[in-house]
């Protein structure tokens, strides 16, 4: 259930109360009996998890993508290329040559 903040228009009494969404808003000040109004404050919201912007809410254990350089090892030179088996025909394509303008 949400917590609502109220303030008296007359005496300035400020208080919070927990109400259901279906409940009618309070209208009478419990201190002086004059009219109340709801006080609306800005709400801080934080989206956590994958799928949001990379600049949002990084933890200390995960550095931002731009703050630490990544190192990659090239394994393509050490791994042999797969060769076609004896039963498969190897497909070769002719090299493309640029067209010469006449």
PDB file of N, CA and C in Angstrom:
ATOM      1  N   UNK A   1       0.845  -1.180   0.000  1.00  0.00           N
ATOM      2  CA  UNK A   1       0.000   0.000   0.000  1.00  0.00           C
ATOM      3  C   UNK A   1       0.886   1.237   0.000  1.00  0.00           C
ATOM      4  N   UNK A   2       0.479   2.252  -0.733  1.00  0.00           N
ATOM      5  CA  UNK A   2       1.292   3.467  -0.816  1.00  0.00           C
ATOM      6  C   UNK A   2       1.188   4.345   0.428  1.00  0.00           C
ATOM      7  N   UNK A   3       2.215   5.112   0.641  1.00  0.00           N
ATOM      8  CA  UNK A   3       2.250   6.090   1.724  1.00  0.00           C
ATOM      9  C   UNK A   3       2.020   7.474   1.131  1.00  0.00           C
ATOM     10  N   UNK A   4       1.052   8.194   1.667  1.00  0.00           N
ATOM     11  CA  UNK A   4       0.733   9.533   1.185  1.00  0.00           C
ATOM     12  C   UNK A   4       1.128  10.559   2.236  1.00  0.00           C
ATOM     13  N   UNK A   5       1.576  11.714   1.756  1.00  0.00           N
ATOM     14  CA  UNK A   5       1.919  12.814   2.655  1.00  0.00           C
ATOM     15  C   UNK A   5       0.856  13.889   2.520  1.00  0.00           C
ATOM     16  N   UNK A   6       0.409  14.410   3.660  1.00  0.00           N
ATOM     17  CA  UNK A   6      -0.608  15.460   3.696  1.00  0.00           C
ATOM     18  C   UNK A   6      -0.058  16.655   4.460  1.00  0.00           C
ATOM     19  N   UNK A   7      -0.576  17.852   4.126  1.00  0.00           N
ATOM     20  CA  UNK A   7      -0.213  19.081   4.840  1.00  0.00           C
ATOM     21  C   UNK A   7      -1.467  19.926   5.000  1.00  0.00           C
ATOM     22  N   UNK A   8      -1.621  20.490   6.196  1.00  0.00           N
ATOM     23  CA  UNK A   8      -2.770  21.342   6.484  1.00  0.00           C
ATOM     24  C   UNK A   8      -2.557  22.712   5.838  1.00  0.00           C
ATOM     25  N   UNK A   9      -3.605  23.236   5.196  1.00  0.00           N
ATOM     26  CA  UNK A   9      -3.523  24.558   4.580  1.00  0.00           C
ATOM     27  C   UNK A   9      -3.499  25.664   5.623  1.00  0.00           C
ATOM     28  N   UNK A  10      -4.032  25.404   6.805  1.00  0.00           N
ATOM     29  CA  UNK A  10      -4.155  26.435   7.828  1.00  0.00           C
ATOM     30  C   UNK A  10      -2.969  26.444   8.794  1.00  0.00           C
ATOM     31  N   UNK A  11      -2.742  25.321   9.488  1.00  0.00           N
ATOM     32  CA  UNK A  11      -1.700  25.299  10.524  1.00  0.00           C
ATOM     33  C   UNK A  11      -0.358  24.768  10.032  1.00  0.00           C
ATOM     34  N   UNK A  12      -0.315  24.170   8.843  1.00  0.00           N
ATOM     35  CA  UNK A  12       0.936  23.671   8.288  1.00  0.00           C
ATOM     36  C   UNK A  12       1.364  22.314   8.822  1.00  0.00           C
ATOM     37  N   UNK A  13       0.466  21.629   9.582  1.00  0.00           N
ATOM     38  CA  UNK A  13       0.784  20.301  10.114  1.00  0.00           C
ATOM     39  C   UNK A  13       1.043  19.349   8.948  1.00  0.00           C
ATOM     40  N   UNK A  14       2.149  18.635   9.012  1.00  0.00           N
ATOM     41  CA  UNK A  14       2.604  17.756   7.945  1.00  0.00           C
ATOM     42  C   UNK A  14       2.691  16.332   8.488  1.00  0.00           C
ATOM     43  N   UNK A  15       2.050  15.361   7.796  1.00  0.00           N
ATOM     44  CA  UNK A  15       2.110  13.972   8.261  1.00  0.00           C
ATOM     45  C   UNK A  15       1.947  13.024   7.082  1.00  0.00           C
ATOM     46  N   UNK A  16       2.316  11.765   7.324  1.00  0.00           N
ATOM     47  CA  UNK A  16       2.192  10.703   6.328  1.00  0.00           C
ATOM     48  C   UNK A  16       1.217   9.660   6.830  1.00  0.00           C
ATOM     49  N   UNK A  17       0.519   9.019   5.906  1.00  0.00           N
ATOM     50  CA  UNK A  17      -0.390   7.937   6.252  1.00  0.00           C
ATOM     51  C   UNK A  17      -0.377   6.893   5.139  1.00  0.00           C
ATOM     52  N   UNK A  18      -0.594   5.643   5.512  1.00  0.00           N
ATOM     53  CA  UNK A  18      -0.652   4.540   4.561  1.00  0.00           C
ATOM     54  C   UNK A  18      -2.115   4.303   4.212  1.00  0.00           C
ATOM     55  N   UNK A  19      -2.437   4.345   2.918  1.00  0.00           N
ATOM     56  CA  UNK A  19      -3.808   4.168   2.457  1.00  0.00           C
ATOM     57  C   UNK A  19      -3.832   3.248   1.253  1.00  0.00           C
ATOM     58  N   UNK A  20      -4.972   2.592   1.049  1.00  0.00           N
ATOM     59  CA  UNK A  20      -5.183   1.801  -0.161  1.00  0.00           C
ATOM     60  C   UNK A  20      -5.474   2.753  -1.322  1.00  0.00           C
ATOM     61  N   UNK A  21      -5.321   2.246  -2.526  1.00  0.00           N
ATOM     62  CA  UNK A  21      -5.642   3.053  -3.695  1.00  0.00           C
ATOM     63  C   UNK A  21      -7.129   3.411  -3.717  1.00  0.00           C
ATOM     64  N   UNK A  22      -7.961   2.513  -3.217  1.00  0.00           N
ATOM     65  CA  UNK A  22      -9.412   2.716  -3.246  1.00  0.00           C
ATOM     66  C   UNK A  22      -9.887   3.701  -2.177  1.00  0.00           C
ATOM     67  N   UNK A  23      -9.073   3.967  -1.157  1.00  0.00           N
ATOM     68  CA  UNK A  23      -9.479   4.863  -0.067  1.00  0.00           C
ATOM     69  C   UNK A  23      -9.611   6.300  -0.569  1.00  0.00           C
ATOM     70  N   UNK A  24     -10.598   7.002  -0.015  1.00  0.00           N
ATOM     71  CA  UNK A  24     -10.767   8.421  -0.321  1.00  0.00           C
ATOM     72  C   UNK A  24      -9.640   9.211   0.344  1.00  0.00           C
ATOM     73  N   UNK A  25      -9.155  10.285  -0.290  1.00  0.00           N
ATOM     74  CA  UNK A  25      -8.110  11.088   0.341  1.00  0.00           C
ATOM     75  C   UNK A  25      -8.638  11.788   1.591  1.00  0.00           C
ATOM     76  N   UNK A  26      -7.740  12.007   2.551  1.00  0.00           N
ATOM     77  CA  UNK A  26      -8.119  12.711   3.772  1.00  0.00           C
ATOM     78  C   UNK A  26      -8.368  14.178   3.446  1.00  0.00           C
ATOM     79  N   UNK A  27      -9.325  14.798   4.142  1.00  0.00           N
ATOM     80  CA  UNK A  27      -9.666  16.185   3.862  1.00  0.00           C
ATOM     81  C   UNK A  27      -9.639  17.079   5.093  1.00  0.00           C
ATOM     82  N   UNK A  28      -9.611  16.490   6.310  1.00  0.00           N
ATOM     83  CA  UNK A  28      -9.690  17.270   7.546  1.00  0.00           C
ATOM     84  C   UNK A  28      -8.414  17.063   8.360  1.00  0.00           C
ATOM     85  N   UNK A  29      -7.810  18.165   8.792  1.00  0.00           N
ATOM     86  CA  UNK A  29      -6.592  18.121   9.599  1.00  0.00           C
ATOM     87  C   UNK A  29      -6.897  17.539  10.976  1.00  0.00           C
ATOM     88  N   UNK A  30      -6.112  16.551  11.423  1.00  0.00           N
ATOM     89  CA  UNK A  30      -6.369  15.973  12.745  1.00  0.00           C
ATOM     90  C   UNK A  30      -5.998  16.925  13.889  1.00  0.00           C
ATOM     91  N   UNK A  31      -5.195  17.969  13.647  1.00  0.00           N
ATOM     92  CA  UNK A  31      -4.785  18.912  14.690  1.00  0.00           C
ATOM     93  C   UNK A  31      -5.784  20.062  14.858  1.00  0.00           C
ATOM     94  N   UNK A  32      -6.138  20.706  13.728  1.00  0.00           N
ATOM     95  CA  UNK A  32      -6.966  21.913  13.841  1.00  0.00           C
ATOM     96  C   UNK A  32      -8.332  21.787  13.174  1.00  0.00           C
ATOM     97  N   UNK A  33      -8.571  20.744  12.370  1.00  0.00           N
ATOM     98  CA  UNK A  33      -9.869  20.541  11.732  1.00  0.00           C
ATOM     99  C   UNK A  33     -10.061  21.288  10.429  1.00  0.00           C
ATOM    100  N   UNK A  34      -9.036  21.977   9.940  1.00  0.00           N
ATOM    101  CA  UNK A  34      -9.148  22.681   8.668  1.00  0.00           C
ATOM    102  C   UNK A  34      -8.823  21.738   7.503  1.00  0.00           C
ATOM    103  N   UNK A  35      -8.804  22.299   6.295  1.00  0.00           N
ATOM    104  CA  UNK A  35      -8.648  21.520   5.067  1.00  0.00           C
ATOM    105  C   UNK A  35      -7.200  21.045   4.867  1.00  0.00           C
ATOM    106  N   UNK A  36      -7.058  19.789   4.403  1.00  0.00           N
ATOM    107  CA  UNK A  36      -5.756  19.196   4.079  1.00  0.00           C
ATOM    108  C   UNK A  36      -5.549  19.182   2.572  1.00  0.00           C
ATOM    109  N   UNK A  37      -4.305  19.045   2.192  1.00  0.00           N
ATOM    110  CA  UNK A  37      -3.987  18.801   0.780  1.00  0.00           C
ATOM    111  C   UNK A  37      -2.881  17.761   0.718  1.00  0.00           C
ATOM    112  N   UNK A  38      -2.877  16.994  -0.383  1.00  0.00           N
ATOM    113  CA  UNK A  38      -1.811  16.011  -0.588  1.00  0.00           C
ATOM    114  C   UNK A  38      -0.551  16.728  -1.028  1.00  0.00           C
ATOM    115  N   UNK A  39       0.576  16.228  -0.556  1.00  0.00           N
ATOM    116  CA  UNK A  39       1.868  16.768  -0.960  1.00  0.00           C
ATOM    117  C   UNK A  39       2.503  15.758  -1.903  1.00  0.00           C
ATOM    118  N   UNK A  40       2.874  16.204  -3.099  1.00  0.00           N
ATOM    119  CA  UNK A  40       3.489  15.323  -4.083  1.00  0.00           C
ATOM    120  C   UNK A  40       4.982  15.629  -4.161  1.00  0.00           C
ATOM    121  N   UNK A  41       5.787  14.610  -3.970  1.00  0.00           N
ATOM    122  CA  UNK A  41       7.240  14.735  -4.021  1.00  0.00           C
ATOM    123  C   UNK A  41       7.769  13.956  -5.212  1.00  0.00           C
ATOM    124  N   UNK A  42       8.961  14.307  -5.636  1.00  0.00           N
ATOM    125  CA  UNK A  42       9.591  13.546  -6.719  1.00  0.00           C
ATOM    126  C   UNK A  42      10.008  12.180  -6.189  1.00  0.00           C
ATOM    127  N   UNK A  43       9.914  11.198  -7.044  1.00  0.00           N
ATOM    128  CA  UNK A  43      10.220   9.829  -6.661  1.00  0.00           C
ATOM    129  C   UNK A  43      11.464   9.387  -7.406  1.00  0.00           C
ATOM    130  N   UNK A  44      12.429   8.856  -6.675  1.00  0.00           N
ATOM    131  CA  UNK A  44      13.622   8.311  -7.309  1.00  0.00           C
ATOM    132  C   UNK A  44      13.350   6.888  -7.747  1.00  0.00           C
ATOM    133  N   UNK A  45      13.665   6.594  -8.997  1.00  0.00           N
ATOM    134  CA  UNK A  45      13.440   5.250  -9.517  1.00  0.00           C
ATOM    135  C   UNK A  45      14.734   4.767 -10.156  1.00  0.00           C
ATOM    136  N   UNK A  46      15.072   3.530  -9.906  1.00  0.00           N
ATOM    137  CA  UNK A  46      16.304   2.954 -10.428  1.00  0.00           C
ATOM    138  C   UNK A  46      15.957   1.659 -11.151  1.00  0.00           C
ATOM    139  N   UNK A  47      16.350   1.568 -12.413  1.00  0.00           N
ATOM    140  CA  UNK A  47      16.167   0.337 -13.176  1.00  0.00           C
ATOM    141  C   UNK A  47      17.458  -0.450 -13.096  1.00  0.00           C
ATOM    142  N   UNK A  48      17.367  -1.668 -12.585  1.00  0.00           N
ATOM    143  CA  UNK A  48      18.545  -2.522 -12.483  1.00  0.00           C
ATOM    144  C   UNK A  48      18.349  -3.732 -13.378  1.00  0.00           C
ATOM    145  N   UNK A  49      19.434  -4.239 -13.895  1.00  0.00           N
ATOM    146  CA  UNK A  49      19.371  -5.433 -14.722  1.00  0.00           C
ATOM    147  C   UNK A  49      19.843  -5.143 -16.129  1.00  0.00           C
ATOM    148  N   UNK A  50      19.845  -6.170 -16.929  1.00  0.00           N
ATOM    149  CA  UNK A  50      20.307  -6.008 -18.302  1.00  0.00           C
ATOM    150  C   UNK A  50      19.211  -5.376 -19.144  1.00  0.00           C
ATOM    151  N   UNK A  51      19.607  -4.755 -20.220  1.00  0.00           N
ATOM    152  CA  UNK A  51      18.652  -4.168 -21.126  1.00  0.00           C
ATOM    153  C   UNK A  51      18.461  -2.679 -20.960  1.00  0.00           C
ATOM    154  N   UNK A  52      19.169  -2.055 -20.045  1.00  0.00           N
ATOM    155  CA  UNK A  52      19.057  -0.623 -19.860  1.00  0.00           C
ATOM    156  C   UNK A  52      20.349   0.037 -20.312  1.00  0.00           C
ATOM    157  N   UNK A  53      20.410   1.332 -20.263  1.00  0.00           N
ATOM    158  CA  UNK A  53      21.582   2.057 -20.722  1.00  0.00           C
ATOM    159  C   UNK A  53      22.827   1.661 -19.924  1.00  0.00           C
ATOM    160  N   UNK A  54      23.963   1.652 -20.575  1.00  0.00           N
ATOM    161  CA  UNK A  54      25.204   1.221 -19.922  1.00  0.00           C
ATOM    162  C   UNK A  54      25.683   2.212 -18.875  1.00  0.00           C
ATOM    163  N   UNK A  55      25.180   3.433 -18.890  1.00  0.00           N
ATOM    164  CA  UNK A  55      25.609   4.426 -17.918  1.00  0.00           C
ATOM    165  C   UNK A  55      24.786   4.383 -16.646  1.00  0.00           C
ATOM    166  N   UNK A  56      23.766   3.534 -16.592  1.00  0.00           N
ATOM    167  CA  UNK A  56      22.869   3.483 -15.442  1.00  0.00           C
ATOM    168  C   UNK A  56      23.352   2.507 -14.389  1.00  0.00           C
ATOM    169  N   UNK A  57      23.592   2.996 -13.191  1.00  0.00           N
ATOM    170  CA  UNK A  57      23.705   2.195 -11.977  1.00  0.00           C
ATOM    171  C   UNK A  57      24.707   1.041 -12.060  1.00  0.00           C
ATOM    172  N   UNK A  58      25.955   1.335 -12.326  1.00  0.00           N
ATOM    173  CA  UNK A  58      26.987   0.296 -12.337  1.00  0.00           C
ATOM    174  C   UNK A  58      27.433   0.002 -10.914  1.00  0.00           C
ATOM    175  N   UNK A  59      27.602  -1.262 -10.622  1.00  0.00           N
ATOM    176  CA  UNK A  59      28.117  -1.622  -9.300  1.00  0.00           C
ATOM    177  C   UNK A  59      29.644  -1.520  -9.318  1.00  0.00           C
ATOM    178  N   UNK A  60      30.244  -1.531  -8.141  1.00  0.00           N
ATOM    179  CA  UNK A  60      31.699  -1.392  -8.044  1.00  0.00           C
ATOM    180  C   UNK A  60      32.413  -2.606  -8.614  1.00  0.00           C
ATOM    181  N   UNK A  61      31.774  -3.782  -8.584  1.00  0.00           N
ATOM    182  CA  UNK A  61      32.429  -4.991  -9.076  1.00  0.00           C
ATOM    183  C   UNK A  61      32.426  -5.084 -10.598  1.00  0.00           C
ATOM    184  N   UNK A  62      31.540  -4.354 -11.255  1.00  0.00           N
ATOM    185  CA  UNK A  62      31.468  -4.374 -12.712  1.00  0.00           C
ATOM    186  C   UNK A  62      31.916  -3.018 -13.245  1.00  0.00           C
ATOM    187  N   UNK A  63      33.084  -2.919 -13.858  1.00  0.00           N
ATOM    188  CA  UNK A  63      33.505  -1.634 -14.407  1.00  0.00           C
ATOM    189  C   UNK A  63      32.692  -1.307 -15.656  1.00  0.00           C
ATOM    190  N   UNK A  64      32.557  -0.051 -15.932  1.00  0.00           N
ATOM    191  CA  UNK A  64      31.846   0.389 -17.132  1.00  0.00           C
ATOM    192  C   UNK A  64      32.622  -0.071 -18.358  1.00  0.00           C
ATOM    193  N   UNK A  65      31.938  -0.221 -19.470  1.00  0.00           N
ATOM    194  CA  UNK A  65      32.556  -0.742 -20.683  1.00  0.00           C
ATOM    195  C   UNK A  65      33.690   0.161 -21.175  1.00  0.00           C
ATOM    196  N   UNK A  66      33.563   1.463 -20.997  1.00  0.00           N
ATOM    197  CA  UNK A  66      34.586   2.373 -21.500  1.00  0.00           C
ATOM    198  C   UNK A  66      35.719   2.600 -20.512  1.00  0.00           C
ATOM    199  N   UNK A  67      35.596   2.179 -19.258  1.00  0.00           N
ATOM    200  CA  UNK A  67      36.617   2.481 -18.268  1.00  0.00           C
ATOM    201  C   UNK A  67      37.779   1.491 -18.272  1.00  0.00           C
ATOM    202  N   UNK A  68      37.566   0.269 -18.709  1.00  0.00           N
ATOM    203  CA  UNK A  68      38.636  -0.716 -18.697  1.00  0.00           C
ATOM    204  C   UNK A  68      38.834  -1.265 -20.112  1.00  0.00           C
ATOM    205  N   UNK A  69      40.077  -1.224 -20.634  1.00  0.00           N
ATOM    206  CA  UNK A  69      40.302  -1.778 -21.969  1.00  0.00           C
ATOM    207  C   UNK A  69      40.180  -3.299 -21.937  1.00  0.00           C
ATOM    208  N   UNK A  70      39.563  -3.822 -22.965  1.00  0.00           N
ATOM    209  CA  UNK A  70      39.389  -5.273 -23.045  1.00  0.00           C
ATOM    210  C   UNK A  70      40.575  -5.879 -23.776  1.00  0.00           C
ATOM    211  N   UNK A  71      40.992  -7.054 -23.348  1.00  0.00           N
ATOM    212  CA  UNK A  71      42.068  -7.764 -24.022  1.00  0.00           C
ATOM    213  C   UNK A  71      41.510  -9.047 -24.602  1.00  0.00           C
ATOM    214  N   UNK A  72      41.793  -9.270 -25.861  1.00  0.00           N
ATOM    215  CA  UNK A  72      41.325 -10.465 -26.540  1.00  0.00           C
ATOM    216  C   UNK A  72      42.532 -11.230 -27.059  1.00  0.00           C
ATOM    217  N   UNK A  73      42.475 -12.542 -26.997  1.00  0.00           N
ATOM    218  CA  UNK A  73      43.531 -13.353 -27.578  1.00  0.00           C
ATOM    219  C   UNK A  73      43.027 -13.912 -28.894  1.00  0.00           C
ATOM    220  N   UNK A  74      43.865 -13.916 -29.882  1.00  0.00           N
ATOM    221  CA  UNK A  74      43.493 -14.397 -31.200  1.00  0.00           C
ATOM    222  C   UNK A  74      43.771 -15.894 -31.262  1.00  0.00           C
ATOM    223  N   UNK A  75      42.728 -16.691 -31.285  1.00  0.00           N
ATOM    224  CA  UNK A  75      42.885 -18.146 -31.333  1.00  0.00           C
ATOM    225  C   UNK A  75      42.758 -18.682 -32.753  1.00  0.00           C
ATOM    226  N   UNK A  76      42.484 -17.804 -33.716  1.00  0.00           N
ATOM    227  CA  UNK A  76      42.307 -18.281 -35.084  1.00  0.00           C
ATOM    228  C   UNK A  76      43.616 -18.792 -35.678  1.00  0.00           C
ATOM    229  N   UNK A  77      44.766 -18.284 -35.247  1.00  0.00           N
ATOM    230  CA  UNK A  77      46.043 -18.725 -35.789  1.00  0.00           C
ATOM    231  C   UNK A  77      46.429 -20.111 -35.258  1.00  0.00           C
ATOM    232  N   UNK A  78      45.983 -20.457 -34.062  1.00  0.00           N
ATOM    233  CA  UNK A  78      46.369 -21.731 -33.484  1.00  0.00           C
ATOM    234  C   UNK A  78      45.396 -22.846 -33.829  1.00  0.00           C
ATOM    235  N   UNK A  79      44.170 -22.527 -34.147  1.00  0.00           N
ATOM    236  CA  UNK A  79      43.180 -23.557 -34.467  1.00  0.00           C
ATOM    237  C   UNK A  79      43.217 -23.842 -35.959  1.00  0.00           C
ATOM    238  N   UNK A  80      43.332 -25.121 -36.346  1.00  0.00           N
ATOM    239  CA  UNK A  80      43.356 -25.439 -37.776  1.00  0.00           C
ATOM    240  C   UNK A  80      41.963 -25.262 -38.372  1.00  0.00           C
ATOM    241  N   UNK A  81      41.931 -24.865 -39.628  1.00  0.00           N
ATOM    242  CA  UNK A  81      40.668 -24.690 -40.331  1.00  0.00           C
ATOM    243  C   UNK A  81      40.090 -26.060 -40.641  1.00  0.00           C
ATOM    244  N   UNK A  82      38.781 -26.224 -40.549  1.00  0.00           N
ATOM    245  CA  UNK A  82      38.195 -27.525 -40.857  1.00  0.00           C
ATOM    246  C   UNK A  82      38.349 -27.841 -42.337  1.00  0.00           C
ATOM    247  N   UNK A  83      38.757 -29.068 -42.607  1.00  0.00           N
ATOM    248  CA  UNK A  83      38.927 -29.471 -44.002  1.00  0.00           C
ATOM    249  C   UNK A  83      37.732 -30.317 -44.419  1.00  0.00           C
ATOM    250  N   UNK A  84      37.352 -30.227 -45.693  1.00  0.00           N
ATOM    251  CA  UNK A  84      36.212 -31.034 -46.153  1.00  0.00           C
ATOM    252  C   UNK A  84      36.558 -32.518 -46.082  1.00  0.00           C
ATOM    253  N   UNK A  85      35.559 -33.308 -45.740  1.00  0.00           N
ATOM    254  CA  UNK A  85      35.803 -34.751 -45.675  1.00  0.00           C
ATOM    255  C   UNK A  85      35.894 -35.323 -47.080  1.00  0.00           C
ATOM    256  N   UNK A  86      36.323 -36.553 -47.187  1.00  0.00           N
ATOM    257  CA  UNK A  86      36.569 -37.172 -48.484  1.00  0.00           C
ATOM    258  C   UNK A  86      35.299 -37.246 -49.323  1.00  0.00           C
ATOM    259  N   UNK A  87      34.124 -37.413 -48.694  1.00  0.00           N
ATOM    260  CA  UNK A  87      32.875 -37.552 -49.426  1.00  0.00           C
ATOM    261  C   UNK A  87      32.285 -36.229 -49.866  1.00  0.00           C
ATOM    262  N   UNK A  88      32.754 -35.109 -49.315  1.00  0.00           N
ATOM    263  CA  UNK A  88      32.183 -33.814 -49.648  1.00  0.00           C
ATOM    264  C   UNK A  88      33.016 -33.159 -50.736  1.00  0.00           C
ATOM    265  N   UNK A  89      32.340 -32.503 -51.652  1.00  0.00           N
ATOM    266  CA  UNK A  89      33.047 -31.777 -52.700  1.00  0.00           C
ATOM    267  C   UNK A  89      33.346 -30.383 -52.188  1.00  0.00           C
ATOM    268  N   UNK A  90      34.542 -29.929 -52.444  1.00  0.00           N
ATOM    269  CA  UNK A  90      34.874 -28.575 -52.003  1.00  0.00           C
ATOM    270  C   UNK A  90      34.359 -27.590 -53.036  1.00  0.00           C
ATOM    271  N   UNK A  91      33.760 -26.532 -52.529  1.00  0.00           N
ATOM    272  CA  UNK A  91      33.185 -25.524 -53.411  1.00  0.00           C
ATOM    273  C   UNK A  91      34.164 -24.370 -53.512  1.00  0.00           C
ATOM    274  N   UNK A  92      34.554 -24.041 -54.725  1.00  0.00           N
ATOM    275  CA  UNK A  92      35.454 -22.909 -54.924  1.00  0.00           C
ATOM    276  C   UNK A  92      34.730 -21.869 -55.745  1.00  0.00           C
ATOM    277  N   UNK A  93      34.924 -20.646 -55.393  1.00  0.00           N
ATOM    278  CA  UNK A  93      34.295 -19.548 -56.124  1.00  0.00           C
ATOM    279  C   UNK A  93      35.390 -18.781 -56.845  1.00  0.00           C
ATOM    280  N   UNK A  94      35.112 -18.361 -58.053  1.00  0.00           N
ATOM    281  CA  UNK A  94      36.131 -17.563 -58.757  1.00  0.00           C
ATOM    282  C   UNK A  94      36.262 -16.195 -58.096  1.00  0.00           C
ATOM    283  N   UNK A  95      37.466 -15.670 -58.154  1.00  0.00           N
ATOM    284  CA  UNK A  95      37.702 -14.355 -57.567  1.00  0.00           C
ATOM    285  C   UNK A  95      37.007 -13.302 -58.402  1.00  0.00           C
ATOM    286  N   UNK A  96      36.405 -12.342 -57.722  1.00  0.00           N
ATOM    287  CA  UNK A  96      35.726 -11.251 -58.417  1.00  0.00           C
ATOM    288  C   UNK A  96      36.759 -10.262 -58.901  1.00  0.00           C
ATOM    289  N   UNK A  97      36.647  -9.873 -60.146  1.00  0.00           N
ATOM    290  CA  UNK A  97      37.564  -8.871 -60.700  1.00  0.00           C
ATOM    291  C   UNK A  97      36.799  -7.591 -60.916  1.00  0.00           C
ATOM    292  N   UNK A  98      37.392  -6.475 -60.621  1.00  0.00           N
ATOM    293  CA  UNK A  98      36.681  -5.199 -60.837  1.00  0.00           C
ATOM    294  C   UNK A  98      36.468  -4.946 -62.315  1.00  0.00           C
ATOM    295  N   UNK A  99      35.308  -4.407 -62.645  1.00  0.00           N
ATOM    296  CA  UNK A  99      35.003  -4.060 -64.049  1.00  0.00           C
ATOM    297  C   UNK A  99      35.827  -2.840 -64.438  1.00  0.00           C
ATOM    298  N   UNK A 100      36.356  -2.940 -65.631  1.00  0.00           N
ATOM    299  CA  UNK A 100      37.144  -1.805 -66.138  1.00  0.00           C
ATOM    300  C   UNK A 100      36.229  -0.922 -66.967  1.00  0.00           C
ATOM    301  N   UNK A 101      36.245   0.349 -66.660  1.00  0.00           N
ATOM    302  CA  UNK A 101      35.422   1.312 -67.416  1.00  0.00           C
ATOM    303  C   UNK A 101      36.098   1.594 -68.729  1.00  0.00           C
ATOM    304  N   UNK A 102      35.356   1.584 -69.830  1.00  0.00           N
ATOM    305  CA  UNK A 102      35.940   1.802 -71.134  1.00  0.00           C
ATOM    306  C   UNK A 102      35.824   3.221 -71.565  1.00  0.00           C
TER     307      UNK A 102
END
